[in-house]
Every structure is written in structure tokens, then in C-alpha cells.
Amino acid sequence: GASERNISTVVDQEDAARALRAVHAGFYLSGHTLSVGIVGPGQVGAELLRQFEARAGALQSKFRIDLKFRAVANSRRMFLSDQGVDASSLAEKLGDGDAKPGEGEAVDLDAFTRHVQADHIPHAVIIDCSASATVAERYIGWLERGIHVITPNKKANSAAFSVYERLRELGGRASTNYLYEATVGAGLPVINTLRDLLET
């Protein structure tokens, strides 16, 4: 039921805490907290993480956005954290493929996904900075779960056209975003530029 002063809804008990946080964020009663996972923390991924860390204060004060980098994975290992991931210690956390205590664990994208989509945080984002077709194949599943996907990985958009159409469909829903960019030449972004030109 609803009135000018009241909106009522029913949610499963197991989703109550997440629903409450989503309502608070939706009506700007609290900041927007995002659980973020990064796949492919090489030069691009590590630099992206450093930029976010440098801008964390401005994002919080200007837009009330609190980014929680809770998971990082490369092709062999992953590091999951409830406290957040420090960009300066990524190499140490993930190691060089030889397992050492405290340096992450063997990569498991199912466990990675579950950790990023935490019940107590209403919004989840996975940023794929890899060039992996295996990771790109996960996009549809992530979007169907309600996880936003951001990527410069060209593999998904150059797969079967039906895959691309499904990604666009899922990314156009109110609950999820599929955001991508491609670069050419000297690393120049082209997709947003073309969109701006077409719109004007």
C-alpha cells in the first residue's frame, strides 16, 4: 500500500538489512556504499585503484559515495578483504603465483563474486581490467545477479552478437549498469567521444 506519506513493501527476512541500506541510499538518507571488486590488477587496475584512493575524500564529501574495494584478482590469485584493499600492497598480497601465508589464495571467481556482493552492502560493482575472455563470459551472470560491470575488456563486445545484445539489455535495466570503453591508437578513448558526437 502507499499514501502521500507512506510506502510499504515486503522483503524476505534474509534481505532485510540489505534492503534497508538500499532504501537509505536511494532516498539519500545515508551515503552510497559500493562493494567493489577488481579483476586484472596489472598496470591499469593498480593505477585505477590508486586514483580511487587519492579521490576517496572528494567522492565522499561531494557525492557521498563510499567505495569499498573488497576483492582483487589476477589470473592466478585473489585477495578478499572486509577492510579494503591497499593499492600499494597489491603485489605483496597476490604474490607472484607462489602461495605464501597472508598473500591471498588461488583464484575462484565464484567466491570472488560472493564476496563482492555482500549482503550488508546494497550495491556491488566489478571492474574488469583484464583482457580475459573467461572473465568476460561472466558478465551476463554478474549483471543477472544485480552486479554492475565496468570494463575496457573488448572480449565481451566482440563475442557473438547475441551476447552483446544480452549485455546491453541487462545493462539498460534500472538495477544494473554495463559500462565499457575501448581505446585505440595511443590509448585514446573512443566510445564516449563517438556518443557525444552523435548526440550533438
N, C-alpha and C. Protein backbone atom coordinates (compact mmCIF):
# COMPACT_ATOMS: atom_id res chain seq x y z
N GLY A 1 0.83 -1.19 0.00
CA GLY A 1 0.00 0.00 0.00
C GLY A 1 0.86 1.24 0.00
N ALA A 2 0.26 2.37 -0.32
CA ALA A 2 1.02 3.61 -0.36
C ALA A 2 0.09 4.80 -0.14
N SER A 3 0.63 5.84 0.37
CA SER A 3 -0.09 7.10 0.51
C SER A 3 0.92 8.21 0.24
N GLU A 4 0.49 9.46 0.44
CA GLU A 4 1.42 10.57 0.22
C GLU A 4 2.55 10.56 1.24
N ARG A 5 2.34 9.88 2.36
CA ARG A 5 3.35 9.89 3.42
C ARG A 5 3.96 8.51 3.69
N ASN A 6 3.45 7.50 3.04
CA ASN A 6 3.89 6.16 3.40
C ASN A 6 4.00 5.26 2.17
N ILE A 7 5.06 4.50 2.11
CA ILE A 7 5.23 3.46 1.11
C ILE A 7 5.58 2.19 1.86
N SER A 8 4.84 1.14 1.63
CA SER A 8 5.09 -0.13 2.31
C SER A 8 5.55 -1.17 1.31
N THR A 9 6.42 -2.05 1.77
CA THR A 9 6.89 -3.13 0.92
C THR A 9 7.22 -4.33 1.79
N VAL A 10 7.29 -5.49 1.17
CA VAL A 10 7.61 -6.72 1.89
C VAL A 10 8.87 -7.31 1.25
N VAL A 11 9.84 -7.66 2.09
CA VAL A 11 11.06 -8.30 1.62
C VAL A 11 11.33 -9.54 2.46
N ASP A 12 12.08 -10.46 1.91
CA ASP A 12 12.47 -11.64 2.68
C ASP A 12 13.33 -11.22 3.86
N GLN A 13 13.19 -11.94 4.98
CA GLN A 13 13.95 -11.62 6.19
C GLN A 13 15.45 -11.58 5.92
N GLU A 14 15.93 -12.52 5.08
CA GLU A 14 17.37 -12.57 4.80
C GLU A 14 17.86 -11.36 4.03
N ASP A 15 16.95 -10.64 3.37
CA ASP A 15 17.32 -9.45 2.59
C ASP A 15 17.04 -8.15 3.33
N ALA A 16 16.59 -8.24 4.58
CA ALA A 16 16.12 -7.05 5.30
C ALA A 16 17.22 -6.00 5.47
N ALA A 17 18.40 -6.42 5.93
CA ALA A 17 19.47 -5.43 6.17
C ALA A 17 19.90 -4.77 4.87
N ARG A 18 20.02 -5.56 3.83
CA ARG A 18 20.44 -5.02 2.53
C ARG A 18 19.36 -4.08 1.98
N ALA A 19 18.10 -4.45 2.14
CA ALA A 19 17.00 -3.61 1.66
C ALA A 19 16.97 -2.28 2.40
N LEU A 20 17.19 -2.32 3.70
CA LEU A 20 17.19 -1.09 4.49
C LEU A 20 18.30 -0.15 4.03
N ARG A 21 19.48 -0.70 3.80
CA ARG A 21 20.59 0.14 3.32
C ARG A 21 20.31 0.70 1.92
N ALA A 22 19.65 -0.11 1.09
CA ALA A 22 19.31 0.36 -0.26
C ALA A 22 18.31 1.51 -0.19
N VAL A 23 17.33 1.42 0.70
CA VAL A 23 16.35 2.49 0.87
C VAL A 23 17.03 3.76 1.37
N HIS A 24 17.90 3.60 2.35
CA HIS A 24 18.62 4.77 2.88
C HIS A 24 19.45 5.44 1.79
N ALA A 25 20.13 4.62 0.98
CA ALA A 25 20.95 5.18 -0.10
C ALA A 25 20.06 5.80 -1.17
N GLY A 26 18.94 5.13 -1.50
CA GLY A 26 18.05 5.61 -2.56
C GLY A 26 17.41 6.94 -2.24
N PHE A 27 17.12 7.16 -0.96
CA PHE A 27 16.50 8.42 -0.55
C PHE A 27 17.51 9.40 0.05
N TYR A 28 18.80 9.10 -0.17
CA TYR A 28 19.88 9.98 0.31
C TYR A 28 19.83 10.22 1.80
N LEU A 29 19.38 9.20 2.54
CA LEU A 29 19.39 9.28 4.00
C LEU A 29 20.77 8.90 4.55
N SER A 30 21.56 8.26 3.71
CA SER A 30 22.94 7.93 4.07
C SER A 30 23.75 7.89 2.77
N GLY A 31 25.04 7.76 2.91
CA GLY A 31 25.89 7.73 1.73
C GLY A 31 25.69 6.46 0.92
N HIS A 32 26.11 6.51 -0.33
CA HIS A 32 26.05 5.34 -1.20
C HIS A 32 27.33 4.53 -0.99
N THR A 33 27.19 3.36 -0.40
CA THR A 33 28.33 2.47 -0.21
C THR A 33 28.34 1.44 -1.31
N LEU A 34 29.47 1.30 -2.00
CA LEU A 34 29.61 0.33 -3.09
C LEU A 34 30.69 -0.68 -2.74
N SER A 35 30.34 -1.94 -2.84
CA SER A 35 31.32 -3.01 -2.71
C SER A 35 31.93 -3.23 -4.08
N VAL A 36 33.26 -3.07 -4.18
CA VAL A 36 33.93 -3.10 -5.48
C VAL A 36 34.95 -4.23 -5.54
N GLY A 37 34.93 -4.94 -6.68
CA GLY A 37 35.95 -5.94 -6.95
C GLY A 37 36.67 -5.59 -8.23
N ILE A 38 37.98 -5.80 -8.27
CA ILE A 38 38.78 -5.52 -9.47
C ILE A 38 39.41 -6.81 -9.95
N VAL A 39 39.21 -7.11 -11.23
CA VAL A 39 39.87 -8.24 -11.87
C VAL A 39 40.93 -7.68 -12.82
N GLY A 40 42.14 -8.18 -12.69
CA GLY A 40 43.21 -7.71 -13.55
C GLY A 40 43.94 -6.51 -12.98
N PRO A 41 44.51 -6.65 -11.78
CA PRO A 41 45.19 -5.50 -11.16
C PRO A 41 46.62 -5.32 -11.66
N GLY A 42 46.78 -5.29 -12.97
CA GLY A 42 48.09 -5.01 -13.55
C GLY A 42 48.35 -3.52 -13.52
N GLN A 43 48.99 -3.00 -14.52
CA GLN A 43 49.29 -1.57 -14.54
C GLN A 43 48.02 -0.74 -14.53
N VAL A 44 47.04 -1.11 -15.35
CA VAL A 44 45.79 -0.33 -15.43
C VAL A 44 44.99 -0.46 -14.14
N GLY A 45 44.79 -1.70 -13.68
CA GLY A 45 43.99 -1.92 -12.48
C GLY A 45 44.60 -1.30 -11.24
N ALA A 46 45.92 -1.45 -11.08
CA ALA A 46 46.59 -0.89 -9.91
C ALA A 46 46.54 0.64 -9.93
N GLU A 47 46.73 1.23 -11.10
CA GLU A 47 46.67 2.69 -11.22
C GLU A 47 45.24 3.19 -10.94
N LEU A 48 44.24 2.46 -11.43
CA LEU A 48 42.86 2.82 -11.16
C LEU A 48 42.59 2.82 -9.66
N LEU A 49 43.06 1.79 -8.98
CA LEU A 49 42.88 1.70 -7.53
C LEU A 49 43.57 2.86 -6.82
N ARG A 50 44.78 3.22 -7.27
CA ARG A 50 45.48 4.36 -6.66
C ARG A 50 44.71 5.66 -6.89
N GLN A 51 44.13 5.83 -8.08
CA GLN A 51 43.36 7.05 -8.35
C GLN A 51 42.12 7.13 -7.46
N PHE A 52 41.45 6.01 -7.30
CA PHE A 52 40.28 5.99 -6.42
C PHE A 52 40.66 6.32 -4.98
N GLU A 53 41.79 5.76 -4.53
CA GLU A 53 42.25 6.05 -3.17
C GLU A 53 42.55 7.53 -2.99
N ALA A 54 43.17 8.13 -4.02
CA ALA A 54 43.51 9.55 -3.95
C ALA A 54 42.26 10.43 -3.94
N ARG A 55 41.18 9.97 -4.58
CA ARG A 55 39.95 10.76 -4.70
C ARG A 55 38.88 10.35 -3.69
N ALA A 56 39.21 9.43 -2.79
CA ALA A 56 38.20 8.90 -1.87
C ALA A 56 37.54 10.01 -1.05
N GLY A 57 38.34 10.93 -0.54
CA GLY A 57 37.79 12.01 0.28
C GLY A 57 36.84 12.89 -0.51
N ALA A 58 37.20 13.24 -1.75
CA ALA A 58 36.35 14.09 -2.57
C ALA A 58 35.06 13.37 -2.95
N LEU A 59 35.15 12.08 -3.27
CA LEU A 59 33.95 11.31 -3.61
C LEU A 59 33.00 11.25 -2.42
N GLN A 60 33.57 11.11 -1.23
CA GLN A 60 32.74 11.03 -0.03
C GLN A 60 32.08 12.36 0.28
N SER A 61 32.85 13.46 0.23
CA SER A 61 32.31 14.76 0.62
C SER A 61 31.40 15.37 -0.45
N LYS A 62 31.75 15.19 -1.72
CA LYS A 62 30.98 15.83 -2.79
C LYS A 62 29.78 15.01 -3.22
N PHE A 63 29.96 13.68 -3.32
CA PHE A 63 28.89 12.84 -3.86
C PHE A 63 28.33 11.84 -2.84
N ARG A 64 28.92 11.82 -1.64
CA ARG A 64 28.50 10.88 -0.59
C ARG A 64 28.62 9.44 -1.08
N ILE A 65 29.69 9.15 -1.80
CA ILE A 65 29.97 7.81 -2.31
C ILE A 65 31.14 7.23 -1.53
N ASP A 66 30.92 6.06 -0.97
CA ASP A 66 31.95 5.37 -0.19
C ASP A 66 32.30 4.07 -0.92
N LEU A 67 33.47 4.03 -1.55
CA LEU A 67 33.89 2.85 -2.30
C LEU A 67 34.66 1.91 -1.38
N LYS A 68 34.21 0.67 -1.30
CA LYS A 68 34.88 -0.35 -0.51
C LYS A 68 35.50 -1.37 -1.46
N PHE A 69 36.80 -1.27 -1.67
CA PHE A 69 37.48 -2.23 -2.53
C PHE A 69 37.74 -3.49 -1.72
N ARG A 70 36.87 -4.48 -1.92
CA ARG A 70 36.86 -5.66 -1.06
C ARG A 70 37.46 -6.89 -1.70
N ALA A 71 37.77 -6.86 -3.00
CA ALA A 71 38.31 -8.04 -3.67
C ALA A 71 39.15 -7.65 -4.87
N VAL A 72 40.28 -8.31 -5.03
CA VAL A 72 41.15 -8.10 -6.18
C VAL A 72 41.62 -9.47 -6.64
N ALA A 73 41.60 -9.69 -7.97
CA ALA A 73 42.03 -10.98 -8.50
C ALA A 73 42.83 -10.80 -9.77
N ASN A 74 43.89 -11.60 -9.90
CA ASN A 74 44.57 -11.69 -11.18
C ASN A 74 44.29 -13.07 -11.76
N SER A 75 45.05 -13.51 -12.73
CA SER A 75 44.75 -14.78 -13.40
C SER A 75 45.01 -15.99 -12.51
N ARG A 76 45.82 -15.81 -11.45
CA ARG A 76 46.17 -16.95 -10.60
C ARG A 76 45.68 -16.84 -9.17
N ARG A 77 45.67 -15.63 -8.63
CA ARG A 77 45.39 -15.48 -7.21
C ARG A 77 44.38 -14.36 -6.98
N MET A 78 43.76 -14.38 -5.79
CA MET A 78 42.84 -13.32 -5.41
C MET A 78 43.05 -12.98 -3.95
N PHE A 79 42.68 -11.76 -3.60
CA PHE A 79 42.76 -11.29 -2.22
C PHE A 79 41.41 -10.71 -1.85
N LEU A 80 40.78 -11.25 -0.81
CA LEU A 80 39.47 -10.80 -0.34
C LEU A 80 39.64 -10.13 1.01
N SER A 81 38.98 -9.01 1.19
CA SER A 81 39.13 -8.26 2.44
C SER A 81 37.84 -7.54 2.78
N ASP A 82 37.47 -7.55 4.05
CA ASP A 82 36.32 -6.77 4.51
C ASP A 82 36.74 -5.34 4.82
N GLN A 83 38.03 -5.12 5.10
CA GLN A 83 38.52 -3.79 5.46
C GLN A 83 38.88 -2.95 4.24
N GLY A 84 39.12 -3.57 3.10
CA GLY A 84 39.51 -2.83 1.91
C GLY A 84 40.91 -3.21 1.48
N VAL A 85 41.21 -2.97 0.22
CA VAL A 85 42.48 -3.35 -0.37
C VAL A 85 43.33 -2.10 -0.58
N ASP A 86 44.58 -2.17 -0.17
CA ASP A 86 45.53 -1.07 -0.33
C ASP A 86 46.30 -1.25 -1.63
N ALA A 87 46.24 -0.26 -2.49
CA ALA A 87 46.89 -0.37 -3.80
C ALA A 87 48.39 -0.61 -3.68
N SER A 88 49.02 -0.02 -2.68
CA SER A 88 50.47 -0.13 -2.55
C SER A 88 50.93 -1.53 -2.18
N SER A 89 50.02 -2.36 -1.67
CA SER A 89 50.41 -3.70 -1.23
C SER A 89 49.86 -4.80 -2.13
N LEU A 90 49.35 -4.44 -3.32
CA LEU A 90 48.74 -5.43 -4.19
C LEU A 90 49.71 -6.53 -4.59
N ALA A 91 50.90 -6.16 -5.01
CA ALA A 91 51.87 -7.16 -5.45
C ALA A 91 52.19 -8.13 -4.32
N GLU A 92 52.32 -7.60 -3.11
CA GLU A 92 52.62 -8.45 -1.96
C GLU A 92 51.43 -9.36 -1.63
N LYS A 93 50.22 -8.80 -1.72
CA LYS A 93 49.03 -9.58 -1.37
C LYS A 93 48.82 -10.74 -2.33
N LEU A 94 48.99 -10.49 -3.62
CA LEU A 94 48.72 -11.51 -4.62
C LEU A 94 49.94 -12.37 -4.92
N GLY A 95 51.13 -11.90 -4.58
CA GLY A 95 52.34 -12.67 -4.82
C GLY A 95 52.63 -12.81 -6.31
N ASP A 96 53.52 -13.73 -6.60
CA ASP A 96 53.91 -13.95 -7.99
C ASP A 96 53.46 -15.33 -8.47
N GLY A 97 52.46 -15.87 -7.81
CA GLY A 97 51.95 -17.19 -8.19
C GLY A 97 52.35 -18.26 -7.20
N ASP A 98 53.38 -18.01 -6.38
CA ASP A 98 53.79 -18.95 -5.35
C ASP A 98 53.07 -18.59 -4.06
N ALA A 99 52.26 -19.50 -3.55
CA ALA A 99 51.44 -19.21 -2.38
C ALA A 99 52.31 -18.96 -1.15
N LYS A 100 52.04 -17.90 -0.46
CA LYS A 100 52.69 -17.60 0.81
C LYS A 100 51.59 -17.17 1.78
N PRO A 101 51.74 -17.45 3.08
CA PRO A 101 50.70 -17.08 4.05
C PRO A 101 50.38 -15.60 4.00
N GLY A 102 49.11 -15.28 3.98
CA GLY A 102 48.69 -13.88 4.01
C GLY A 102 48.75 -13.18 2.68
N GLU A 103 49.09 -13.90 1.61
CA GLU A 103 49.22 -13.27 0.30
C GLU A 103 48.10 -13.68 -0.64
N GLY A 104 46.93 -13.89 -0.13
CA GLY A 104 45.81 -14.25 -0.97
C GLY A 104 45.66 -15.74 -1.13
N GLU A 105 44.81 -16.13 -2.05
CA GLU A 105 44.51 -17.54 -2.27
C GLU A 105 44.31 -17.78 -3.75
N ALA A 106 44.22 -19.05 -4.12
CA ALA A 106 44.01 -19.39 -5.52
C ALA A 106 42.72 -18.76 -6.02
N VAL A 107 42.74 -18.23 -7.24
CA VAL A 107 41.58 -17.50 -7.75
C VAL A 107 40.39 -18.44 -7.91
N ASP A 108 39.24 -17.97 -7.44
CA ASP A 108 37.96 -18.67 -7.55
C ASP A 108 36.93 -17.58 -7.81
N LEU A 109 36.53 -17.41 -9.07
CA LEU A 109 35.65 -16.29 -9.41
C LEU A 109 34.26 -16.41 -8.79
N ASP A 110 33.83 -17.62 -8.44
CA ASP A 110 32.56 -17.76 -7.73
C ASP A 110 32.66 -17.19 -6.32
N ALA A 111 33.73 -17.53 -5.62
CA ALA A 111 33.95 -16.99 -4.27
C ALA A 111 34.19 -15.48 -4.34
N PHE A 112 34.93 -15.05 -5.35
CA PHE A 112 35.18 -13.62 -5.58
C PHE A 112 33.85 -12.88 -5.72
N THR A 113 32.95 -13.43 -6.53
CA THR A 113 31.64 -12.80 -6.78
C THR A 113 30.82 -12.73 -5.50
N ARG A 114 30.78 -13.83 -4.75
CA ARG A 114 30.01 -13.84 -3.50
C ARG A 114 30.54 -12.80 -2.52
N HIS A 115 31.85 -12.65 -2.47
CA HIS A 115 32.44 -11.69 -1.53
C HIS A 115 32.12 -10.25 -1.93
N VAL A 116 32.18 -9.97 -3.23
CA VAL A 116 31.87 -8.61 -3.70
C VAL A 116 30.41 -8.29 -3.44
N GLN A 117 29.52 -9.23 -3.68
CA GLN A 117 28.09 -8.99 -3.49
C GLN A 117 27.70 -9.34 -2.05
N ALA A 118 28.21 -8.55 -1.13
CA ALA A 118 27.96 -8.79 0.29
C ALA A 118 26.53 -8.42 0.65
N ASP A 119 25.92 -9.20 1.54
CA ASP A 119 24.53 -8.95 1.93
C ASP A 119 24.34 -7.61 2.62
N HIS A 120 25.38 -7.15 3.35
CA HIS A 120 25.23 -5.92 4.13
C HIS A 120 25.54 -4.66 3.34
N ILE A 121 25.90 -4.80 2.04
CA ILE A 121 26.16 -3.63 1.19
C ILE A 121 25.22 -3.71 -0.01
N PRO A 122 24.36 -2.71 -0.22
CA PRO A 122 23.31 -2.83 -1.23
C PRO A 122 23.80 -2.81 -2.67
N HIS A 123 24.96 -2.19 -2.94
CA HIS A 123 25.42 -2.06 -4.32
C HIS A 123 26.75 -2.76 -4.52
N ALA A 124 26.87 -3.51 -5.62
CA ALA A 124 28.10 -4.23 -5.92
C ALA A 124 28.55 -3.90 -7.34
N VAL A 125 29.86 -3.72 -7.51
CA VAL A 125 30.45 -3.37 -8.80
C VAL A 125 31.67 -4.25 -9.02
N ILE A 126 31.80 -4.80 -10.23
CA ILE A 126 33.02 -5.50 -10.61
C ILE A 126 33.64 -4.75 -11.79
N ILE A 127 34.90 -4.38 -11.62
CA ILE A 127 35.65 -3.69 -12.67
C ILE A 127 36.65 -4.68 -13.25
N ASP A 128 36.49 -4.99 -14.52
CA ASP A 128 37.37 -5.94 -15.17
C ASP A 128 38.40 -5.20 -16.01
N CYS A 129 39.64 -5.18 -15.55
CA CYS A 129 40.72 -4.53 -16.28
C CYS A 129 41.60 -5.55 -17.00
N SER A 130 41.10 -6.76 -17.11
CA SER A 130 41.87 -7.81 -17.80
C SER A 130 41.53 -7.79 -19.29
N ALA A 131 42.17 -8.69 -20.01
CA ALA A 131 41.83 -8.90 -21.42
C ALA A 131 41.37 -10.34 -21.60
N SER A 132 40.78 -10.89 -20.53
CA SER A 132 40.43 -12.31 -20.49
C SER A 132 39.04 -12.59 -21.04
N ALA A 133 38.96 -13.53 -21.98
CA ALA A 133 37.65 -13.96 -22.48
C ALA A 133 36.89 -14.74 -21.41
N THR A 134 37.62 -15.46 -20.57
CA THR A 134 36.99 -16.24 -19.49
C THR A 134 36.27 -15.32 -18.51
N VAL A 135 36.90 -14.21 -18.17
CA VAL A 135 36.26 -13.24 -17.27
C VAL A 135 35.07 -12.58 -17.97
N ALA A 136 35.24 -12.23 -19.23
CA ALA A 136 34.16 -11.58 -19.99
C ALA A 136 32.92 -12.46 -20.07
N GLU A 137 33.12 -13.77 -20.09
CA GLU A 137 31.99 -14.70 -20.13
C GLU A 137 31.14 -14.63 -18.85
N ARG A 138 31.68 -14.05 -17.80
CA ARG A 138 30.97 -13.92 -16.52
C ARG A 138 30.04 -12.71 -16.47
N TYR A 139 30.18 -11.79 -17.41
CA TYR A 139 29.44 -10.53 -17.32
C TYR A 139 27.93 -10.75 -17.23
N ILE A 140 27.39 -11.60 -18.08
CA ILE A 140 25.94 -11.81 -18.09
C ILE A 140 25.48 -12.32 -16.73
N GLY A 141 26.18 -13.28 -16.18
CA GLY A 141 25.82 -13.80 -14.86
C GLY A 141 25.90 -12.74 -13.78
N TRP A 142 26.95 -11.91 -13.84
CA TRP A 142 27.08 -10.84 -12.84
C TRP A 142 25.92 -9.84 -12.96
N LEU A 143 25.60 -9.45 -14.16
CA LEU A 143 24.51 -8.49 -14.36
C LEU A 143 23.18 -9.09 -13.92
N GLU A 144 22.96 -10.37 -14.21
CA GLU A 144 21.72 -11.02 -13.80
C GLU A 144 21.60 -11.08 -12.28
N ARG A 145 22.71 -11.11 -11.58
CA ARG A 145 22.72 -11.12 -10.10
C ARG A 145 22.53 -9.71 -9.53
N GLY A 146 22.56 -8.70 -10.39
CA GLY A 146 22.43 -7.33 -9.91
C GLY A 146 23.75 -6.64 -9.64
N ILE A 147 24.84 -7.18 -10.17
CA ILE A 147 26.16 -6.58 -10.00
C ILE A 147 26.47 -5.71 -11.22
N HIS A 148 26.86 -4.47 -10.99
CA HIS A 148 27.24 -3.58 -12.08
C HIS A 148 28.59 -4.04 -12.65
N VAL A 149 28.78 -3.87 -13.95
CA VAL A 149 30.04 -4.27 -14.60
C VAL A 149 30.62 -3.07 -15.34
N ILE A 150 31.91 -2.80 -15.09
CA ILE A 150 32.62 -1.72 -15.77
C ILE A 150 33.89 -2.33 -16.35
N THR A 151 34.17 -2.07 -17.63
CA THR A 151 35.32 -2.74 -18.23
C THR A 151 35.84 -2.05 -19.49
N PRO A 152 37.16 -2.15 -19.71
CA PRO A 152 37.72 -1.83 -21.02
C PRO A 152 38.02 -3.10 -21.82
N ASN A 153 37.66 -4.27 -21.26
CA ASN A 153 37.91 -5.56 -21.91
C ASN A 153 37.05 -5.69 -23.17
N LYS A 154 37.69 -5.88 -24.32
CA LYS A 154 36.97 -5.92 -25.60
C LYS A 154 36.36 -7.28 -25.90
N LYS A 155 36.68 -8.31 -25.11
CA LYS A 155 36.26 -9.68 -25.44
C LYS A 155 34.74 -9.85 -25.47
N ALA A 156 34.03 -9.27 -24.53
CA ALA A 156 32.57 -9.46 -24.48
C ALA A 156 31.89 -8.79 -25.67
N ASN A 157 32.32 -7.59 -26.00
CA ASN A 157 31.68 -6.85 -27.09
C ASN A 157 32.07 -7.36 -28.47
N SER A 158 33.08 -8.21 -28.53
CA SER A 158 33.47 -8.77 -29.82
C SER A 158 33.11 -10.26 -29.90
N ALA A 159 32.31 -10.73 -28.96
CA ALA A 159 31.82 -12.12 -28.99
C ALA A 159 30.60 -12.18 -29.91
N ALA A 160 29.81 -13.22 -29.78
CA ALA A 160 28.60 -13.35 -30.60
C ALA A 160 27.69 -12.15 -30.38
N PHE A 161 27.02 -11.70 -31.44
CA PHE A 161 26.17 -10.52 -31.34
C PHE A 161 25.05 -10.72 -30.33
N SER A 162 24.57 -11.95 -30.18
CA SER A 162 23.52 -12.23 -29.20
C SER A 162 24.01 -11.96 -27.78
N VAL A 163 25.29 -12.22 -27.53
CA VAL A 163 25.88 -11.93 -26.21
C VAL A 163 25.89 -10.42 -25.98
N TYR A 164 26.33 -9.69 -26.99
CA TYR A 164 26.37 -8.23 -26.88
C TYR A 164 24.97 -7.66 -26.63
N GLU A 165 23.97 -8.18 -27.37
CA GLU A 165 22.59 -7.72 -27.19
C GLU A 165 22.10 -7.99 -25.76
N ARG A 166 22.44 -9.17 -25.24
CA ARG A 166 22.02 -9.51 -23.87
C ARG A 166 22.70 -8.59 -22.86
N LEU A 167 23.96 -8.30 -23.07
CA LEU A 167 24.67 -7.39 -22.17
C LEU A 167 24.04 -6.00 -22.18
N ARG A 168 23.71 -5.50 -23.36
CA ARG A 168 23.06 -4.19 -23.47
C ARG A 168 21.69 -4.20 -22.80
N GLU A 169 20.96 -5.31 -22.97
CA GLU A 169 19.64 -5.41 -22.34
C GLU A 169 19.76 -5.39 -20.83
N LEU A 170 20.67 -6.21 -20.28
CA LEU A 170 20.83 -6.26 -18.82
C LEU A 170 21.39 -4.96 -18.29
N GLY A 171 22.30 -4.33 -19.05
CA GLY A 171 22.89 -3.08 -18.61
C GLY A 171 21.95 -1.90 -18.71
N GLY A 172 20.82 -2.07 -19.40
CA GLY A 172 19.85 -0.99 -19.52
C GLY A 172 18.76 -1.03 -18.47
N ARG A 173 18.80 -2.05 -17.61
CA ARG A 173 17.80 -2.12 -16.55
C ARG A 173 18.09 -1.09 -15.47
N ALA A 174 17.06 -0.79 -14.68
CA ALA A 174 17.23 0.20 -13.61
C ALA A 174 18.17 -0.30 -12.53
N SER A 175 18.28 -1.62 -12.39
CA SER A 175 19.05 -2.18 -11.27
C SER A 175 20.53 -2.42 -11.59
N THR A 176 20.90 -2.40 -12.87
CA THR A 176 22.29 -2.68 -13.21
C THR A 176 22.80 -1.77 -14.33
N ASN A 177 24.10 -1.57 -14.34
CA ASN A 177 24.76 -0.82 -15.41
C ASN A 177 25.87 -1.66 -16.01
N TYR A 178 25.96 -1.63 -17.33
CA TYR A 178 27.08 -2.25 -18.04
C TYR A 178 27.80 -1.12 -18.76
N LEU A 179 28.93 -0.73 -18.22
CA LEU A 179 29.67 0.42 -18.75
C LEU A 179 31.00 -0.05 -19.30
N TYR A 180 31.31 0.36 -20.50
CA TYR A 180 32.55 -0.09 -21.12
C TYR A 180 33.14 1.04 -21.95
N GLU A 181 34.41 0.92 -22.19
CA GLU A 181 35.13 1.87 -23.02
C GLU A 181 36.21 1.10 -23.77
N ALA A 182 36.53 1.52 -24.96
CA ALA A 182 37.60 0.91 -25.73
C ALA A 182 38.59 1.99 -26.13
N THR A 183 39.83 1.60 -26.27
CA THR A 183 40.86 2.56 -26.67
C THR A 183 41.50 2.11 -27.97
N VAL A 184 42.01 3.07 -28.72
CA VAL A 184 42.71 2.78 -29.97
C VAL A 184 43.95 3.66 -30.03
N GLY A 185 44.82 3.38 -31.00
CA GLY A 185 45.99 4.22 -31.19
C GLY A 185 46.82 4.33 -29.93
N ALA A 186 46.99 5.52 -29.45
CA ALA A 186 47.83 5.77 -28.27
C ALA A 186 47.01 5.69 -26.99
N GLY A 187 46.06 4.76 -26.92
CA GLY A 187 45.24 4.61 -25.72
C GLY A 187 44.16 5.66 -25.61
N LEU A 188 43.71 6.18 -26.74
CA LEU A 188 42.68 7.23 -26.71
C LEU A 188 41.29 6.60 -26.58
N PRO A 189 40.48 7.07 -25.65
CA PRO A 189 39.11 6.55 -25.53
C PRO A 189 38.27 7.00 -26.73
N VAL A 190 37.46 6.09 -27.25
CA VAL A 190 36.71 6.43 -28.46
C VAL A 190 35.20 6.33 -28.30
N ILE A 191 34.70 5.45 -27.45
CA ILE A 191 33.26 5.20 -27.40
C ILE A 191 32.50 6.41 -26.89
N ASN A 192 32.93 6.97 -25.76
CA ASN A 192 32.23 8.16 -25.24
C ASN A 192 32.34 9.33 -26.21
N THR A 193 33.49 9.45 -26.87
CA THR A 193 33.67 10.53 -27.84
C THR A 193 32.67 10.39 -28.98
N LEU A 194 32.54 9.17 -29.52
CA LEU A 194 31.58 8.94 -30.61
C LEU A 194 30.15 9.19 -30.15
N ARG A 195 29.83 8.77 -28.95
CA ARG A 195 28.46 9.01 -28.43
C ARG A 195 28.18 10.49 -28.32
N ASP A 196 29.15 11.24 -27.82
CA ASP A 196 28.96 12.70 -27.69
C ASP A 196 28.76 13.34 -29.06
N LEU A 197 29.54 12.91 -30.04
CA LEU A 197 29.41 13.45 -31.39
C LEU A 197 28.05 13.13 -31.98
N LEU A 198 27.58 11.90 -31.80
CA LEU A 198 26.28 11.50 -32.33
C LEU A 198 25.15 12.27 -31.65
N GLU A 199 25.26 12.48 -30.34
CA GLU A 199 24.19 13.16 -29.61
C GLU A 199 24.13 14.64 -29.96
N THR A 200 25.24 15.22 -30.38
CA THR A 200 25.24 16.66 -30.69
C THR A 200 25.03 16.90 -32.19
